[in-house]
Amino acid sequence: MKKLYLSQTDKKISGFLGGLGEYLEIDSTFLRLIFLFLLIFSGFLPGLIFYFIATLVVSKEPTKKD
């Protein structure tokens, strides 16, 4: 079963969009562009609040031990 995590390898700020890209199997750059457009057209504040809450709610990716 797949689970959404904050990415530790594909992150620019918190790793939320990188983790979402891994979860949805979509390029995270595409998700970042979509988020940027939504951020601009929503007036910044709603998008920033969503990103902040998502970062707090989604857990960090567990470290892989060999």
Protein backbone atom coordinates (compact mmCIF):
# COMPACT_ATOMS: atom_id res chain seq x y z
CA MET A 1 0.00 0.00 0.00
CA LYS A 2 1.39 3.38 -1.01
CA LYS A 3 1.58 6.17 1.52
CA LEU A 4 2.20 9.88 1.05
CA TYR A 5 5.41 11.14 2.66
CA LEU A 6 7.49 14.30 2.57
CA SER A 7 10.30 13.45 0.19
CA GLN A 8 13.82 13.52 1.56
CA THR A 9 15.46 13.35 -1.87
CA ASP A 10 13.22 15.49 -4.11
CA LYS A 11 12.58 18.62 -2.09
CA LYS A 12 12.94 22.33 -2.63
CA ILE A 13 11.29 23.64 0.54
CA SER A 14 9.66 20.95 2.63
CA GLY A 15 9.44 17.98 0.25
CA PHE A 16 5.63 17.97 0.04
CA LEU A 17 5.39 18.38 -3.74
CA GLY A 18 8.26 15.94 -4.28
CA GLY A 19 6.49 13.38 -2.13
CA LEU A 20 3.20 14.03 -3.89
CA GLY A 21 4.95 13.49 -7.22
CA GLU A 22 6.36 10.17 -6.01
CA TYR A 23 2.95 9.13 -4.69
CA LEU A 24 1.09 10.04 -7.90
CA GLU A 25 4.00 8.89 -10.12
CA ILE A 26 4.11 12.32 -11.79
CA ASP A 27 7.16 14.53 -12.34
CA SER A 28 7.43 16.87 -9.35
CA THR A 29 8.48 19.76 -11.61
CA PHE A 30 5.07 19.56 -13.29
CA LEU A 31 3.37 19.65 -9.88
CA ARG A 32 5.49 22.64 -8.83
CA LEU A 33 4.45 24.55 -11.96
CA ILE A 34 0.77 23.76 -11.35
CA PHE A 35 1.12 24.83 -7.72
CA LEU A 36 2.84 28.07 -8.79
CA PHE A 37 0.00 28.95 -11.18
CA LEU A 38 -2.61 28.12 -8.52
CA LEU A 39 -0.68 30.20 -6.01
CA ILE A 40 -0.61 33.22 -8.33
CA PHE A 41 -4.25 33.00 -9.39
CA SER A 42 -5.63 32.31 -5.90
CA GLY A 43 -4.01 35.37 -4.34
CA PHE A 44 -1.09 33.59 -2.62
CA LEU A 45 -2.56 33.29 0.89
CA PRO A 46 -4.86 30.25 0.37
CA GLY A 47 -2.09 28.34 -1.41
CA LEU A 48 0.49 29.17 1.25
CA ILE A 49 -1.89 28.12 4.02
CA PHE A 50 -2.60 24.83 2.21
CA TYR A 51 1.13 24.15 1.71
CA PHE A 52 1.92 24.93 5.35
CA ILE A 53 -0.87 22.68 6.68
CA ALA A 54 0.05 19.87 4.27
CA THR A 55 3.67 20.07 5.42
CA LEU A 56 2.56 19.73 9.04
CA VAL A 57 0.11 16.88 8.43
CA VAL A 58 2.14 14.66 6.08
CA SER A 59 4.81 12.63 7.85
CA LYS A 60 8.47 12.48 6.81
CA GLU A 61 9.68 9.64 4.63
CA PRO A 62 11.22 6.91 6.77
CA THR A 63 14.91 6.34 6.24
CA LYS A 64 15.78 3.15 4.40
CA LYS A 65 18.19 0.90 6.25
CA ASP A 66 20.16 -1.63 4.21
